[in-house]
Every structure is written in structure tokens, then in C-alpha cells.
Amino acid sequence: MSGEYAAVLRRRALAAFKWAQRACSEGDYDIAVLQAEYAVQLYLKSILYRILGEEVRGHSIRELFGLLSA
């Protein structure tokens, strides 16, 4: 399941990003920002999972970037 979980996270991240783009084009900027943030969180978690081999809990983008830089 090592690569499978990371692939699921990447697919979810891309889906959230598409929703963010759609919301932005419709002028719903609050939802667009929420979905964009969620997409970044999921994508960072997929990268961290590939590097660390374990699921990372947390929602703070700053914390996830900190883990990635360490």
C-alpha cells in the first residue's frame, strides 16, 4: 500500500484543486480558498508519506512544510 495511499492523496488533492478553480471562476472566492488550502494539505501529505512512509496527521500547512523541510 506504500504507493497506493500517496496516489489516493494526490488524486484527492487534484480534485480539490479543480473544485477551487471552478469556485473561483464562479466568483465564490471563500470556497475557492478553502479548497485550494485543502488541495495543498493533501498534496504535502502525499509527499511526506512517500518520504517518511507513514501517515502524517495535521492540517496546518506551515507545520506540513516544516516537516517536509526537516
PDB file of N, CA and C in Angstrom:
ATOM      1  N   MET A   1       0.809  -1.190   0.000  1.00  0.00           N
ATOM      2  CA  MET A   1       0.000   0.000   0.000  1.00  0.00           C
ATOM      3  C   MET A   1       0.856   1.260   0.000  1.00  0.00           C
ATOM      4  N   SER A   2       2.151   1.129  -0.047  1.00  0.00           N
ATOM      5  CA  SER A   2       3.023   2.290   0.086  1.00  0.00           C
ATOM      6  C   SER A   2       2.745   3.367  -0.955  1.00  0.00           C
ATOM      7  N   GLY A   3       2.732   3.004  -2.225  1.00  0.00           N
ATOM      8  CA  GLY A   3       2.483   3.995  -3.254  1.00  0.00           C
ATOM      9  C   GLY A   3       1.016   4.267  -3.468  1.00  0.00           C
ATOM     10  N   GLU A   4       0.178   3.323  -3.067  1.00  0.00           N
ATOM     11  CA  GLU A   4      -1.265   3.442  -3.290  1.00  0.00           C
ATOM     12  C   GLU A   4      -1.866   4.582  -2.467  1.00  0.00           C
ATOM     13  N   TYR A   5      -1.493   4.693  -1.199  1.00  0.00           N
ATOM     14  CA  TYR A   5      -2.035   5.744  -0.339  1.00  0.00           C
ATOM     15  C   TYR A   5      -1.599   7.122  -0.834  1.00  0.00           C
ATOM     16  N   ALA A   6      -0.352   7.249  -1.223  1.00  0.00           N
ATOM     17  CA  ALA A   6       0.136   8.531  -1.741  1.00  0.00           C
ATOM     18  C   ALA A   6      -0.600   8.908  -3.024  1.00  0.00           C
ATOM     19  N   ALA A   7      -0.884   7.932  -3.873  1.00  0.00           N
ATOM     20  CA  ALA A   7      -1.616   8.197  -5.116  1.00  0.00           C
ATOM     21  C   ALA A   7      -3.046   8.645  -4.825  1.00  0.00           C
ATOM     22  N   VAL A   8      -3.662   8.050  -3.817  1.00  0.00           N
ATOM     23  CA  VAL A   8      -5.024   8.456  -3.426  1.00  0.00           C
ATOM     24  C   VAL A   8      -5.008   9.907  -2.947  1.00  0.00           C
ATOM     25  N   LEU A   9      -4.026  10.256  -2.136  1.00  0.00           N
ATOM     26  CA  LEU A   9      -3.924  11.629  -1.654  1.00  0.00           C
ATOM     27  C   LEU A   9      -3.711  12.608  -2.800  1.00  0.00           C
ATOM     28  N   ARG A  10      -2.865  12.244  -3.767  1.00  0.00           N
ATOM     29  CA  ARG A  10      -2.630  13.122  -4.919  1.00  0.00           C
ATOM     30  C   ARG A  10      -3.900  13.299  -5.743  1.00  0.00           C
ATOM     31  N   ARG A  11      -4.647  12.215  -5.951  1.00  0.00           N
ATOM     32  CA  ARG A  11      -5.907  12.324  -6.701  1.00  0.00           C
ATOM     33  C   ARG A  11      -6.894  13.238  -5.983  1.00  0.00           C
ATOM     34  N   ARG A  12      -6.983  13.094  -4.672  1.00  0.00           N
ATOM     35  CA  ARG A  12      -7.877  13.958  -3.890  1.00  0.00           C
ATOM     36  C   ARG A  12      -7.426  15.411  -3.958  1.00  0.00           C
ATOM     37  N   ALA A  13      -6.118  15.623  -3.918  1.00  0.00           N
ATOM     38  CA  ALA A  13      -5.578  16.986  -3.999  1.00  0.00           C
ATOM     39  C   ALA A  13      -5.929  17.620  -5.334  1.00  0.00           C
ATOM     40  N   LEU A  14      -5.768  16.873  -6.412  1.00  0.00           N
ATOM     41  CA  LEU A  14      -6.092  17.419  -7.734  1.00  0.00           C
ATOM     42  C   LEU A  14      -7.585  17.683  -7.873  1.00  0.00           C
ATOM     43  N   ALA A  15      -8.405  16.823  -7.298  1.00  0.00           N
ATOM     44  CA  ALA A  15      -9.855  17.039  -7.335  1.00  0.00           C
ATOM     45  C   ALA A  15     -10.222  18.304  -6.559  1.00  0.00           C
ATOM     46  N   ALA A  16      -9.614  18.511  -5.399  1.00  0.00           N
ATOM     47  CA  ALA A  16      -9.883  19.714  -4.605  1.00  0.00           C
ATOM     48  C   ALA A  16      -9.416  20.953  -5.350  1.00  0.00           C
ATOM     49  N   PHE A  17      -8.295  20.848  -6.047  1.00  0.00           N
ATOM     50  CA  PHE A  17      -7.793  21.984  -6.820  1.00  0.00           C
ATOM     51  C   PHE A  17      -8.738  22.335  -7.969  1.00  0.00           C
ATOM     52  N   LYS A  18      -9.295  21.304  -8.608  1.00  0.00           N
ATOM     53  CA  LYS A  18     -10.271  21.557  -9.678  1.00  0.00           C
ATOM     54  C   LYS A  18     -11.512  22.249  -9.135  1.00  0.00           C
ATOM     55  N   TRP A  19     -11.967  21.826  -7.940  1.00  0.00           N
ATOM     56  CA  TRP A  19     -13.107  22.481  -7.303  1.00  0.00           C
ATOM     57  C   TRP A  19     -12.771  23.928  -6.971  1.00  0.00           C
ATOM     58  N   ALA A  20     -11.536  24.167  -6.545  1.00  0.00           N
ATOM     59  CA  ALA A  20     -11.111  25.536  -6.230  1.00  0.00           C
ATOM     60  C   ALA A  20     -11.133  26.407  -7.486  1.00  0.00           C
ATOM     61  N   GLN A  21     -10.648  25.863  -8.581  1.00  0.00           N
ATOM     62  CA  GLN A  21     -10.660  26.616  -9.838  1.00  0.00           C
ATOM     63  C   GLN A  21     -12.092  26.928 -10.267  1.00  0.00           C
ATOM     64  N   ARG A  22     -12.951  25.943 -10.136  1.00  0.00           N
ATOM     65  CA  ARG A  22     -14.352  26.127 -10.528  1.00  0.00           C
ATOM     66  C   ARG A  22     -15.026  27.189  -9.657  1.00  0.00           C
ATOM     67  N   ALA A  23     -14.813  27.107  -8.353  1.00  0.00           N
ATOM     68  CA  ALA A  23     -15.402  28.083  -7.438  1.00  0.00           C
ATOM     69  C   ALA A  23     -14.875  29.484  -7.726  1.00  0.00           C
ATOM     70  N   CYS A  24     -13.603  29.585  -8.035  1.00  0.00           N
ATOM     71  CA  CYS A  24     -13.012  30.889  -8.336  1.00  0.00           C
ATOM     72  C   CYS A  24     -13.612  31.474  -9.614  1.00  0.00           C
ATOM     73  N   SER A  25     -13.781  30.638 -10.622  1.00  0.00           N
ATOM     74  CA  SER A  25     -14.349  31.128 -11.880  1.00  0.00           C
ATOM     75  C   SER A  25     -15.807  31.550 -11.717  1.00  0.00           C
ATOM     76  N   GLU A  26     -16.480  30.987 -10.723  1.00  0.00           N
ATOM     77  CA  GLU A  26     -17.873  31.348 -10.459  1.00  0.00           C
ATOM     78  C   GLU A  26     -17.988  32.502  -9.468  1.00  0.00           C
ATOM     79  N   GLY A  27     -16.845  33.020  -9.005  1.00  0.00           N
ATOM     80  CA  GLY A  27     -16.851  34.150  -8.088  1.00  0.00           C
ATOM     81  C   GLY A  27     -17.061  33.787  -6.635  1.00  0.00           C
ATOM     82  N   ASP A  28     -17.007  32.513  -6.301  1.00  0.00           N
ATOM     83  CA  ASP A  28     -17.182  32.057  -4.916  1.00  0.00           C
ATOM     84  C   ASP A  28     -15.795  31.908  -4.281  1.00  0.00           C
ATOM     85  N   TYR A  29     -15.218  33.053  -3.906  1.00  0.00           N
ATOM     86  CA  TYR A  29     -13.816  33.089  -3.506  1.00  0.00           C
ATOM     87  C   TYR A  29     -13.539  32.435  -2.162  1.00  0.00           C
ATOM     88  N   ASP A  30     -14.479  32.483  -1.238  1.00  0.00           N
ATOM     89  CA  ASP A  30     -14.274  31.833   0.060  1.00  0.00           C
ATOM     90  C   ASP A  30     -14.093  30.326  -0.109  1.00  0.00           C
ATOM     91  N   ILE A  31     -14.963  29.726  -0.892  1.00  0.00           N
ATOM     92  CA  ILE A  31     -14.870  28.285  -1.142  1.00  0.00           C
ATOM     93  C   ILE A  31     -13.615  27.964  -1.949  1.00  0.00           C
ATOM     94  N   ALA A  32     -13.262  28.837  -2.879  1.00  0.00           N
ATOM     95  CA  ALA A  32     -12.062  28.617  -3.693  1.00  0.00           C
ATOM     96  C   ALA A  32     -10.816  28.553  -2.814  1.00  0.00           C
ATOM     97  N   VAL A  33     -10.717  29.467  -1.864  1.00  0.00           N
ATOM     98  CA  VAL A  33      -9.550  29.488  -0.970  1.00  0.00           C
ATOM     99  C   VAL A  33      -9.545  28.258  -0.076  1.00  0.00           C
ATOM    100  N   LEU A  34     -10.699  27.886   0.450  1.00  0.00           N
ATOM    101  CA  LEU A  34     -10.795  26.684   1.278  1.00  0.00           C
ATOM    102  C   LEU A  34     -10.335  25.440   0.519  1.00  0.00           C
ATOM    103  N   GLN A  35     -10.832  25.278  -0.687  1.00  0.00           N
ATOM    104  CA  GLN A  35     -10.484  24.106  -1.489  1.00  0.00           C
ATOM    105  C   GLN A  35      -9.014  24.125  -1.902  1.00  0.00           C
ATOM    106  N   ALA A  36      -8.484  25.299  -2.200  1.00  0.00           N
ATOM    107  CA  ALA A  36      -7.069  25.400  -2.569  1.00  0.00           C
ATOM    108  C   ALA A  36      -6.181  25.016  -1.384  1.00  0.00           C
ATOM    109  N   GLU A  37      -6.550  25.482  -0.192  1.00  0.00           N
ATOM    110  CA  GLU A  37      -5.790  25.125   1.003  1.00  0.00           C
ATOM    111  C   GLU A  37      -5.844  23.614   1.257  1.00  0.00           C
ATOM    112  N   TYR A  38      -7.015  23.038   1.096  1.00  0.00           N
ATOM    113  CA  TYR A  38      -7.182  21.602   1.280  1.00  0.00           C
ATOM    114  C   TYR A  38      -6.341  20.828   0.259  1.00  0.00           C
ATOM    115  N   ALA A  39      -6.309  21.318  -0.976  1.00  0.00           N
ATOM    116  CA  ALA A  39      -5.512  20.664  -2.016  1.00  0.00           C
ATOM    117  C   ALA A  39      -4.029  20.674  -1.652  1.00  0.00           C
ATOM    118  N   VAL A  40      -3.542  21.800  -1.142  1.00  0.00           N
ATOM    119  CA  VAL A  40      -2.133  21.898  -0.742  1.00  0.00           C
ATOM    120  C   VAL A  40      -1.843  20.947   0.410  1.00  0.00           C
ATOM    121  N   GLN A  41      -2.737  20.897   1.400  1.00  0.00           N
ATOM    122  CA  GLN A  41      -2.557  19.980   2.532  1.00  0.00           C
ATOM    123  C   GLN A  41      -2.436  18.538   2.055  1.00  0.00           C
ATOM    124  N   LEU A  42      -3.355  18.118   1.201  1.00  0.00           N
ATOM    125  CA  LEU A  42      -3.345  16.738   0.725  1.00  0.00           C
ATOM    126  C   LEU A  42      -2.097  16.431  -0.081  1.00  0.00           C
ATOM    127  N   TYR A  43      -1.691  17.374  -0.926  1.00  0.00           N
ATOM    128  CA  TYR A  43      -0.506  17.125  -1.750  1.00  0.00           C
ATOM    129  C   TYR A  43       0.753  17.035  -0.891  1.00  0.00           C
ATOM    130  N   LEU A  44       0.872  17.923   0.095  1.00  0.00           N
ATOM    131  CA  LEU A  44       2.020  17.843   1.006  1.00  0.00           C
ATOM    132  C   LEU A  44       2.020  16.535   1.782  1.00  0.00           C
ATOM    133  N   LYS A  45       0.850  16.094   2.219  1.00  0.00           N
ATOM    134  CA  LYS A  45       0.757  14.822   2.930  1.00  0.00           C
ATOM    135  C   LYS A  45       1.161  13.653   2.040  1.00  0.00           C
ATOM    136  N   SER A  46       0.845  13.722   0.753  1.00  0.00           N
ATOM    137  CA  SER A  46       1.255  12.637  -0.158  1.00  0.00           C
ATOM    138  C   SER A  46       2.774  12.604  -0.301  1.00  0.00           C
ATOM    139  N   ILE A  47       3.386  13.773  -0.386  1.00  0.00           N
ATOM    140  CA  ILE A  47       4.853  13.836  -0.485  1.00  0.00           C
ATOM    141  C   ILE A  47       5.487  13.314   0.798  1.00  0.00           C
ATOM    142  N   LEU A  48       4.967  13.767   1.946  1.00  0.00           N
ATOM    143  CA  LEU A  48       5.511  13.308   3.224  1.00  0.00           C
ATOM    144  C   LEU A  48       5.340  11.805   3.403  1.00  0.00           C
ATOM    145  N   TYR A  49       4.226  11.265   2.941  1.00  0.00           N
ATOM    146  CA  TYR A  49       4.013   9.823   3.054  1.00  0.00           C
ATOM    147  C   TYR A  49       5.044   9.060   2.226  1.00  0.00           C
ATOM    148  N   ARG A  50       5.326   9.579   1.034  1.00  0.00           N
ATOM    149  CA  ARG A  50       6.330   8.903   0.198  1.00  0.00           C
ATOM    150  C   ARG A  50       7.711   8.972   0.833  1.00  0.00           C
ATOM    151  N   ILE A  51       8.020  10.080   1.494  1.00  0.00           N
ATOM    152  CA  ILE A  51       9.345  10.243   2.108  1.00  0.00           C
ATOM    153  C   ILE A  51       9.455   9.473   3.417  1.00  0.00           C
ATOM    154  N   LEU A  52       8.476   9.659   4.304  1.00  0.00           N
ATOM    155  CA  LEU A  52       8.541   9.084   5.648  1.00  0.00           C
ATOM    156  C   LEU A  52       8.004   7.662   5.728  1.00  0.00           C
ATOM    157  N   GLY A  53       7.073   7.333   4.846  1.00  0.00           N
ATOM    158  CA  GLY A  53       6.478   6.013   4.871  1.00  0.00           C
ATOM    159  C   GLY A  53       5.393   5.850   5.917  1.00  0.00           C
ATOM    160  N   GLU A  54       4.951   6.956   6.491  1.00  0.00           N
ATOM    161  CA  GLU A  54       3.878   6.885   7.483  1.00  0.00           C
ATOM    162  C   GLU A  54       2.929   8.066   7.285  1.00  0.00           C
ATOM    163  N   GLU A  55       1.701   7.841   7.719  1.00  0.00           N
ATOM    164  CA  GLU A  55       0.661   8.852   7.564  1.00  0.00           C
ATOM    165  C   GLU A  55       0.907  10.010   8.523  1.00  0.00           C
ATOM    166  N   VAL A  56       0.810  11.226   8.001  1.00  0.00           N
ATOM    167  CA  VAL A  56       1.022  12.423   8.809  1.00  0.00           C
ATOM    168  C   VAL A  56      -0.324  13.009   9.169  1.00  0.00           C
ATOM    169  N   ARG A  57      -0.511  13.283  10.454  1.00  0.00           N
ATOM    170  CA  ARG A  57      -1.736  13.920  10.930  1.00  0.00           C
ATOM    171  C   ARG A  57      -1.486  15.409  11.078  1.00  0.00           C
ATOM    172  N   GLY A  58      -2.481  16.190  10.821  1.00  0.00           N
ATOM    173  CA  GLY A  58      -2.362  17.634  10.984  1.00  0.00           C
ATOM    174  C   GLY A  58      -2.953  18.352   9.793  1.00  0.00           C
ATOM    175  N   HIS A  59      -3.283  19.619  10.003  1.00  0.00           N
ATOM    176  CA  HIS A  59      -3.919  20.388   8.949  1.00  0.00           C
ATOM    177  C   HIS A  59      -3.194  21.695   8.662  1.00  0.00           C
ATOM    178  N   SER A  60      -2.216  22.027   9.441  1.00  0.00           N
ATOM    179  CA  SER A  60      -1.506  23.284   9.273  1.00  0.00           C
ATOM    180  C   SER A  60      -0.498  23.163   8.120  1.00  0.00           C
ATOM    181  N   ILE A  61      -0.657  24.026   7.142  1.00  0.00           N
ATOM    182  CA  ILE A  61       0.268  24.000   6.005  1.00  0.00           C
ATOM    183  C   ILE A  61       1.673  24.332   6.472  1.00  0.00           C
ATOM    184  N   ARG A  62       1.792  25.278   7.404  1.00  0.00           N
ATOM    185  CA  ARG A  62       3.099  25.645   7.933  1.00  0.00           C
ATOM    186  C   ARG A  62       3.768  24.451   8.607  1.00  0.00           C
ATOM    187  N   GLU A  63       3.000  23.688   9.390  1.00  0.00           N
ATOM    188  CA  GLU A  63       3.536  22.501  10.058  1.00  0.00           C
ATOM    189  C   GLU A  63       3.964  21.449   9.031  1.00  0.00           C
ATOM    190  N   LEU A  64       3.138  21.257   7.994  1.00  0.00           N
ATOM    191  CA  LEU A  64       3.481  20.268   6.975  1.00  0.00           C
ATOM    192  C   LEU A  64       4.732  20.660   6.200  1.00  0.00           C
ATOM    193  N   PHE A  65       4.873  21.957   5.874  1.00  0.00           N
ATOM    194  CA  PHE A  65       6.094  22.424   5.222  1.00  0.00           C
ATOM    195  C   PHE A  65       7.293  22.254   6.145  1.00  0.00           C
ATOM    196  N   GLY A  66       7.086  22.490   7.443  1.00  0.00           N
ATOM    197  CA  GLY A  66       8.165  22.305   8.419  1.00  0.00           C
ATOM    198  C   GLY A  66       8.635  20.864   8.460  1.00  0.00           C
ATOM    199  N   LEU A  67       7.699  19.931   8.450  1.00  0.00           N
ATOM    200  CA  LEU A  67       8.065  18.508   8.414  1.00  0.00           C
ATOM    201  C   LEU A  67       8.807  18.166   7.129  1.00  0.00           C
ATOM    202  N   LEU A  68       8.363  18.764   6.039  1.00  0.00           N
ATOM    203  CA  LEU A  68       8.997  18.490   4.752  1.00  0.00           C
ATOM    204  C   LEU A  68      10.418  19.030   4.716  1.00  0.00           C
ATOM    205  N   SER A  69      10.625  20.190   5.300  1.00  0.00           N
ATOM    206  CA  SER A  69      11.971  20.780   5.284  1.00  0.00           C
ATOM    207  C   SER A  69      12.931  20.062   6.231  1.00  0.00           C
ATOM    208  N   ALA A  70      12.363  19.424   7.269  1.00  0.00           N
ATOM    209  CA  ALA A  70      13.213  18.692   8.213  1.00  0.00           C
ATOM    210  C   ALA A  70      13.592  17.391   7.593  1.00  0.00           C
TER     211      ALA A  70
END
